[in-house]
């Protein structure tokens, strides 16, 4: 049996490789998965829906009450239920948008460092991913680099705000510059905003204000700590929603019915839950930043969003090799190169883990980095 060249050309995620090599008792700071419990009402309502018989196919775009509840959450942007499609995960939404917009031969501008699936999704659609870099310690898009890489084939630009892996949040200047680029060159923005609930400083600037030129992807996995439910959503102009629904039908027919009712029950009261979660993550962020900056040869500015730390290091070692060395000594993290060529020289740590694990993980990091700098390891 011969595998397609498109799939063969895509390497396995560098993040998963770390997990395969780690010891069973390792400190895992590699996985972007909130360690808190989901809202109790979400779990109860999902079980109730299943017991009540909501286990069949549903509407391809999701049940309208949940679509309207998502729209209500973003009502300041004039969003209506018809602008929303519920998806089986934010990752699936990104795949569907890529398949719906990118033709063979098209080029897609991909953030680097950036989430690992934008490039593969572009390739699977027959397009060519083109990485753009960031500038400054707060990882803002390098606008001049983006402009230099635009060609007649450039169809879309992926934006991740807040960012995985850097935790950066788009500044006002960066947001306006990206909007100008989209307008000047007729480029569609695919904005991955699944971490919009987790902004600690500054504010979230959403492309929901520009649905004429943008499609926005969101998710419930991080919002409600239900990563295993695989539930997300996308928000788009009504003029393209029929195409999005057609794409989703050919991917999955319809989203998970019981899960949609669980999300629907929890969404109206989610703000109190999120305020608690942000408080927890902010405290963990401050801890991991303090510990990292206390290690000679490592540096990080406090990330303003998401729950990732992406420090630089000055050791002459590839990030994959350094991550492997850490994994051998009981600490799982992700190499910066897993997120694109401009991620080299960095490591990604998730602080979606309790403080005791962060402390133990940073102890291992400090020990290994110290020994490598001394040449004793």
Protein backbone atom coordinates (compact mmCIF):
# COMPACT_ATOMS: atom_id res chain seq x y z
CA UNK A 1 0.00 0.00 0.00
CA UNK A 2 1.44 3.36 -1.03
CA UNK A 3 0.96 6.42 1.18
CA UNK A 4 0.25 9.76 -0.50
CA UNK A 5 3.26 11.98 -1.14
CA UNK A 6 1.48 14.84 0.61
CA UNK A 7 1.31 12.93 3.87
CA UNK A 8 4.76 11.40 3.48
CA UNK A 9 6.23 14.89 3.15
CA UNK A 10 4.97 15.89 6.60
CA UNK A 11 7.18 14.82 9.55
CA UNK A 12 5.73 13.56 12.80
CA UNK A 13 5.35 16.26 15.43
CA UNK A 14 8.56 17.01 17.32
CA UNK A 15 6.45 17.47 20.44
CA UNK A 16 5.21 13.88 20.46
CA UNK A 17 8.73 12.52 20.06
CA UNK A 18 9.63 13.91 23.49
CA UNK A 19 6.77 12.01 25.12
CA UNK A 20 7.88 8.73 23.55
CA UNK A 21 11.36 9.04 25.03
CA UNK A 22 10.43 10.20 28.52
CA UNK A 23 10.49 8.10 31.67
CA UNK A 24 7.15 7.21 33.33
CA UNK A 25 7.88 9.43 36.35
CA UNK A 26 9.01 12.45 34.30
CA UNK A 27 7.83 15.97 35.01
CA UNK A 28 5.65 16.80 32.01
CA UNK A 29 5.78 20.47 31.05
CA UNK A 30 5.37 19.68 27.39
CA UNK A 31 1.63 19.26 27.07
CA UNK A 32 -0.69 22.25 26.59
CA UNK A 33 -3.53 20.78 28.59
CA UNK A 34 -5.14 22.53 31.58
CA UNK A 35 -4.87 20.39 34.71
CA UNK A 36 -8.04 21.75 36.34
CA UNK A 37 -11.44 20.07 36.30
CA UNK A 38 -14.05 21.15 33.75
CA UNK A 39 -17.08 23.14 34.92
CA UNK A 40 -19.25 20.69 36.82
CA UNK A 41 -22.35 21.77 34.91
CA UNK A 42 -20.72 20.89 31.59
CA UNK A 43 -20.01 17.32 32.67
CA UNK A 44 -23.46 16.87 34.22
CA UNK A 45 -25.29 18.25 31.18
CA UNK A 46 -23.29 16.12 28.76
CA UNK A 47 -24.22 12.98 30.73
CA UNK A 48 -27.85 14.09 30.97
CA UNK A 49 -28.03 14.63 27.22
CA UNK A 50 -26.64 11.18 26.54
CA UNK A 51 -29.07 9.54 28.95
CA UNK A 52 -31.92 11.51 27.35
CA UNK A 53 -31.11 9.99 23.97
CA UNK A 54 -29.14 12.77 22.25
CA UNK A 55 -26.70 10.27 20.76
CA UNK A 56 -27.59 10.50 17.08
CA UNK A 57 -26.36 12.68 14.23
CA UNK A 58 -27.06 16.37 14.67
CA UNK A 59 -26.99 19.42 12.39
CA UNK A 60 -23.73 19.65 10.46
CA UNK A 61 -23.07 23.19 11.72
CA UNK A 62 -23.97 22.27 15.30
CA UNK A 63 -27.13 22.82 17.31
CA UNK A 64 -28.43 26.36 16.93
CA UNK A 65 -28.72 27.07 20.68
CA UNK A 66 -24.97 26.52 21.08
CA UNK A 67 -24.18 28.53 17.96
CA UNK A 68 -26.26 31.37 19.38
CA UNK A 69 -24.59 31.04 22.79
CA UNK A 70 -21.17 31.43 21.16
CA UNK A 71 -22.46 34.43 19.21
CA UNK A 72 -23.75 35.95 22.45
CA UNK A 73 -20.27 35.66 23.92
CA UNK A 74 -18.91 37.76 21.05
CA UNK A 75 -21.90 40.07 20.66
CA UNK A 76 -19.73 43.20 20.80
CA UNK A 77 -18.54 42.25 17.29
CA UNK A 78 -22.07 41.90 15.95
CA UNK A 79 -21.80 38.11 15.70
CA UNK A 80 -25.00 36.11 15.13
CA UNK A 81 -25.67 32.40 15.36
CA UNK A 82 -25.50 32.07 11.57
CA UNK A 83 -21.87 33.26 11.71
CA UNK A 84 -20.90 30.34 13.95
CA UNK A 85 -20.16 26.70 13.16
CA UNK A 86 -19.44 24.20 15.93
CA UNK A 87 -16.56 21.88 15.05
CA UNK A 88 -14.98 18.70 16.42
CA UNK A 89 -11.99 20.61 17.89
CA UNK A 90 -10.25 23.83 16.97
CA UNK A 91 -7.68 21.78 15.06
CA UNK A 92 -10.44 20.33 12.88
CA UNK A 93 -11.77 23.82 12.26
CA UNK A 94 -8.31 24.89 11.06
CA UNK A 95 -8.10 21.86 8.77
CA UNK A 96 -11.54 22.59 7.33
CA UNK A 97 -10.73 26.26 6.72
CA UNK A 98 -7.46 25.31 5.03
CA UNK A 99 -9.19 22.80 2.76
CA UNK A 100 -11.93 25.29 1.94
CA UNK A 101 -9.64 28.21 1.07
CA UNK A 102 -6.31 26.86 -0.21
CA UNK A 103 -5.95 25.51 -3.74
CA UNK A 104 -2.97 23.55 -5.09
CA UNK A 105 -0.18 26.01 -5.83
CA UNK A 106 -1.41 28.65 -3.38
CA UNK A 107 0.97 29.98 -0.75
CA UNK A 108 0.12 30.43 2.93
CA UNK A 109 2.11 32.64 5.29
CA UNK A 110 2.79 30.67 8.48
CA UNK A 111 3.98 32.12 11.82
CA UNK A 112 7.37 30.79 12.93
CA UNK A 113 7.55 29.95 15.73
CA UNK A 114 3.90 28.98 15.52
CA UNK A 115 1.47 26.17 16.23
CA UNK A 116 2.60 22.98 14.52
CA UNK A 117 -0.39 22.25 12.27
CA UNK A 118 -0.64 25.33 10.03
CA UNK A 119 2.11 24.16 7.70
CA UNK A 120 0.92 20.53 7.42
CA UNK A 121 -2.66 21.66 6.82
CA UNK A 122 -1.44 23.89 4.00
CA UNK A 123 0.55 21.02 2.49
CA UNK A 124 -2.40 18.63 2.73
CA UNK A 125 -4.48 21.17 0.79
CA UNK A 126 -1.84 21.22 -1.94
CA UNK A 127 -0.46 24.60 -0.98
CA UNK A 128 3.02 25.78 0.01
CA UNK A 129 3.67 27.05 3.54
CA UNK A 130 5.98 30.08 3.81
CA UNK A 131 7.27 30.86 7.30
CA UNK A 132 7.36 34.41 8.61
CA UNK A 133 9.35 35.40 11.66
CA UNK A 134 8.84 37.52 14.76
CA UNK A 135 10.80 40.39 16.20
CA UNK A 136 11.60 41.57 19.71
CA UNK A 137 11.45 39.80 23.04
CA UNK A 138 7.64 40.04 22.97
CA UNK A 139 7.45 38.11 19.66
CA UNK A 140 5.56 40.57 17.46
CA UNK A 141 5.16 39.71 13.74
CA UNK A 142 8.03 41.05 11.64
CA UNK A 143 5.92 43.09 9.24
CA UNK A 144 8.76 43.79 6.81
CA UNK A 145 9.59 40.07 6.67
CA UNK A 146 5.94 39.31 5.90
CA UNK A 147 5.82 41.91 3.13
CA UNK A 148 9.00 40.52 1.57
CA UNK A 149 7.43 37.06 1.31
CA UNK A 150 4.15 38.03 -0.35
CA UNK A 151 3.83 36.87 -3.95
CA UNK A 152 1.03 36.64 -6.48
CA UNK A 153 0.32 33.16 -5.10
CA UNK A 154 -0.12 34.27 -1.48
CA UNK A 155 -3.70 33.34 -0.55
CA UNK A 156 -3.89 33.35 3.26
CA UNK A 157 -1.95 34.32 6.33
CA UNK A 158 -2.24 32.37 9.57
CA UNK A 159 -2.27 34.40 12.77
CA UNK A 160 -2.22 32.91 16.28
CA UNK A 161 -3.27 35.34 19.03
CA UNK A 162 -2.47 34.67 21.86
CA UNK A 163 0.35 32.54 20.53
CA UNK A 164 1.28 28.94 21.04
CA UNK A 165 4.25 28.55 21.66
CA UNK A 166 5.39 32.06 22.63
CA UNK A 167 2.48 33.27 24.77
CA UNK A 168 2.68 36.61 22.95
CA UNK A 169 -0.31 38.88 22.38
CA UNK A 170 -0.67 41.06 19.29
CA UNK A 171 0.03 44.72 19.98
CA UNK A 172 -2.20 47.40 18.51
CA UNK A 173 0.48 48.32 15.96
CA UNK A 174 0.93 44.69 14.89
CA UNK A 175 -2.80 44.14 14.56
CA UNK A 176 -3.25 47.23 12.39
CA UNK A 177 -0.25 46.33 10.24
CA UNK A 178 -1.62 42.83 9.59
CA UNK A 179 -4.99 44.33 8.66
CA UNK A 180 -3.31 46.69 6.21
CA UNK A 181 -1.42 43.81 4.61
CA UNK A 182 -4.62 41.82 4.20
CA UNK A 183 -6.39 44.79 2.65
CA UNK A 184 -3.54 45.85 0.36
CA UNK A 185 -2.89 42.38 -1.06
CA UNK A 186 -6.33 40.71 -0.90
CA UNK A 187 -5.10 38.10 1.58
CA UNK A 188 -7.48 36.23 3.88
CA UNK A 189 -6.54 36.08 7.55
CA UNK A 190 -7.06 32.71 9.28
CA UNK A 191 -6.94 33.76 12.92
CA UNK A 192 -6.45 31.05 15.54
CA UNK A 193 -7.79 32.59 18.76
CA UNK A 194 -8.33 29.49 20.91
CA UNK A 195 -6.44 31.13 23.81
CA UNK A 196 -8.45 34.36 23.78
CA UNK A 197 -9.72 33.59 27.30
CA UNK A 198 -6.18 33.70 28.68
CA UNK A 199 -4.77 37.21 28.40
CA UNK A 200 -2.97 38.58 31.48
CA UNK A 201 -1.69 41.96 30.33
CA UNK A 202 -2.66 44.33 27.52
CA UNK A 203 -5.83 43.12 25.75
CA UNK A 204 -7.01 40.68 23.13
CA UNK A 205 -7.40 42.13 19.65
CA UNK A 206 -9.66 39.91 17.61
CA UNK A 207 -10.09 39.58 13.86
CA UNK A 208 -13.80 39.11 14.56
CA UNK A 209 -14.00 42.82 13.79
CA UNK A 210 -13.01 41.98 10.19
CA UNK A 211 -15.04 38.98 9.07
CA UNK A 212 -15.16 40.35 5.52
CA UNK A 213 -11.48 39.39 5.20
CA UNK A 214 -10.97 36.92 8.08
CA UNK A 215 -12.11 33.62 9.52
CA UNK A 216 -11.65 33.16 13.26
CA UNK A 217 -11.17 29.79 14.95
CA UNK A 218 -11.91 29.26 18.65
CA UNK A 219 -12.25 26.33 20.97
CA UNK A 220 -13.80 24.93 24.10
CA UNK A 221 -10.91 22.56 24.94
CA UNK A 222 -8.79 25.17 26.73
CA UNK A 223 -11.71 27.35 27.80
CA UNK A 224 -13.39 24.56 29.79
CA UNK A 225 -10.47 22.14 30.27
CA UNK A 226 -12.17 19.52 28.10
CA UNK A 227 -9.38 18.72 25.66
CA UNK A 228 -10.58 15.12 25.37
CA UNK A 229 -14.03 16.20 24.19
CA UNK A 230 -12.47 17.65 20.99
CA UNK A 231 -14.88 20.55 20.53
CA UNK A 232 -14.27 23.91 18.88
CA UNK A 233 -15.90 26.47 16.63
CA UNK A 234 -15.23 28.84 13.78
CA UNK A 235 -16.77 32.22 13.10
CA UNK A 236 -17.04 33.51 9.54
CA UNK A 237 -18.99 35.85 7.33
CA UNK A 238 -22.36 34.42 6.32
CA UNK A 239 -21.30 34.58 2.66
CA UNK A 240 -18.82 31.74 3.20
CA UNK A 241 -20.69 29.74 5.83
CA UNK A 242 -22.33 27.42 3.29
CA UNK A 243 -18.87 26.43 2.05
CA UNK A 244 -17.66 25.83 5.62
CA UNK A 245 -20.68 23.65 6.39
CA UNK A 246 -20.17 21.67 3.17
CA UNK A 247 -16.54 21.10 4.12
CA UNK A 248 -17.48 19.96 7.61
CA UNK A 249 -20.07 17.52 6.27
CA UNK A 250 -17.39 15.76 4.28
CA UNK A 251 -15.08 15.66 7.31
CA UNK A 252 -17.38 14.47 10.10
CA UNK A 253 -21.09 14.85 9.17
CA UNK A 254 -21.78 16.60 12.50
CA UNK A 255 -20.18 17.42 15.87
CA UNK A 256 -20.59 15.41 19.07
CA UNK A 257 -24.21 15.79 20.22
CA UNK A 258 -23.95 15.11 23.99
CA UNK A 259 -20.86 17.32 24.25
CA UNK A 260 -22.65 20.23 22.58
CA UNK A 261 -25.37 20.12 25.24
CA UNK A 262 -22.73 20.01 27.97
CA UNK A 263 -21.00 23.08 26.54
CA UNK A 264 -24.31 24.86 26.10
CA UNK A 265 -25.17 24.40 29.78
CA UNK A 266 -21.82 25.73 31.00
CA UNK A 267 -21.16 28.57 28.57
CA UNK A 268 -23.45 31.26 30.08
CA UNK A 269 -21.68 31.03 33.45
CA UNK A 270 -18.15 30.46 32.20
CA UNK A 271 -16.69 33.86 33.11
CA UNK A 272 -16.34 33.11 36.84
CA UNK A 273 -14.63 29.81 35.98
CA UNK A 274 -12.25 31.59 33.59
CA UNK A 275 -11.41 34.31 36.10
CA UNK A 276 -10.29 31.63 38.54
CA UNK A 277 -8.31 29.85 35.82
CA UNK A 278 -6.56 33.07 34.76
CA UNK A 279 -5.60 33.77 38.37
CA UNK A 280 -4.07 30.29 38.68
CA UNK A 281 -2.21 30.51 35.37
CA UNK A 282 -0.93 34.03 36.07
CA UNK A 283 0.59 32.86 39.34
CA UNK A 284 2.22 29.89 37.61
CA UNK A 285 3.50 32.13 34.84
CA UNK A 286 5.17 34.43 37.34
CA UNK A 287 6.77 31.43 39.03
CA UNK A 288 8.18 29.84 35.87
CA UNK A 289 9.44 33.18 34.53
CA UNK A 290 11.24 33.87 37.80
CA UNK A 291 12.81 30.42 37.83
CA UNK A 292 13.90 30.56 34.18
CA UNK A 293 15.44 34.02 34.51
CA UNK A 294 17.33 32.76 37.56
CA UNK A 295 19.23 30.27 35.37
CA UNK A 296 22.46 31.57 33.81
CA UNK A 297 22.22 31.54 30.05
CA UNK A 298 18.42 31.54 29.85
CA UNK A 299 16.09 34.48 29.29
CA UNK A 300 12.38 35.17 28.95
CA UNK A 301 10.00 38.12 29.03
CA UNK A 302 6.73 37.37 30.87
CA UNK A 303 4.29 36.05 28.25
CA UNK A 304 1.06 38.03 28.17
CA UNK A 305 -1.27 35.22 27.15
CA UNK A 306 -1.94 31.49 26.74
CA UNK A 307 -0.04 29.22 29.19
CA UNK A 308 3.36 28.72 27.57
CA UNK A 309 6.86 29.94 28.33
CA UNK A 310 9.26 30.14 25.38
CA UNK A 311 12.68 31.09 26.75
CA UNK A 312 15.90 31.45 24.78
CA UNK A 313 19.18 29.85 25.82
CA UNK A 314 22.81 30.53 24.94
CA UNK A 315 24.18 26.98 24.85
CA UNK A 316 25.55 25.89 21.47
CA UNK A 317 23.11 23.01 21.10
CA UNK A 318 20.11 22.39 18.88
CA UNK A 319 16.80 22.66 20.72
CA UNK A 320 15.91 19.07 19.80
CA UNK A 321 19.15 17.79 21.34
CA UNK A 322 18.66 19.89 24.45
CA UNK A 323 15.07 18.68 24.83
CA UNK A 324 16.23 15.08 24.50
CA UNK A 325 18.88 15.64 27.16
CA UNK A 326 16.24 17.08 29.49
CA UNK A 327 13.87 14.19 28.75
CA UNK A 328 16.62 11.71 29.62
CA UNK A 329 16.86 13.45 32.99
CA UNK A 330 13.15 13.49 33.74
CA UNK A 331 11.82 16.77 32.28
CA UNK A 332 9.57 16.84 29.22
CA UNK A 333 9.43 20.04 27.21
CA UNK A 334 9.19 20.87 23.52
CA UNK A 335 12.08 21.97 21.28
CA UNK A 336 11.63 25.40 19.75
CA UNK A 337 12.41 24.00 16.30
CA UNK A 338 9.20 21.92 16.47
CA UNK A 339 7.36 25.20 15.91
CA UNK A 340 9.27 26.31 12.82
CA UNK A 341 12.78 27.21 11.76
CA UNK A 342 12.67 30.54 13.60
CA UNK A 343 11.93 28.74 16.86
CA UNK A 344 15.45 27.34 17.09
CA UNK A 345 17.38 28.44 20.18
CA UNK A 346 14.28 28.21 22.38
CA UNK A 347 12.39 25.67 24.46
CA UNK A 348 8.66 25.59 25.16
CA UNK A 349 7.34 24.84 28.63
CA UNK A 350 3.65 24.60 29.46
CA UNK A 351 2.65 26.02 32.83
CA UNK A 352 -0.72 24.27 32.67
CA UNK A 353 0.68 22.13 35.48
CA UNK A 354 0.69 22.64 39.24
CA UNK A 355 3.36 24.67 41.01
CA UNK A 356 5.10 21.66 42.55
CA UNK A 357 5.69 20.20 39.08
CA UNK A 358 6.92 23.55 37.80
CA UNK A 359 9.36 23.81 40.71
CA UNK A 360 10.66 20.27 40.18
CA UNK A 361 10.90 20.79 36.44
CA UNK A 362 12.85 24.02 36.85
CA UNK A 363 15.19 22.29 39.31
CA UNK A 364 16.02 19.74 36.60
CA UNK A 365 16.38 22.49 33.99
CA UNK A 366 18.74 24.50 36.19
CA UNK A 367 20.82 21.42 36.95
CA UNK A 368 21.19 20.31 33.32
CA UNK A 369 21.79 23.78 31.92
CA UNK A 370 24.40 24.41 34.61
CA UNK A 371 26.25 21.19 33.85
CA UNK A 372 26.16 21.83 30.11
CA UNK A 373 27.56 25.32 30.58
CA UNK A 374 30.32 23.92 32.78
CA UNK A 375 31.07 21.18 30.28
CA UNK A 376 30.52 18.49 32.91
CA UNK A 377 27.69 16.75 31.07
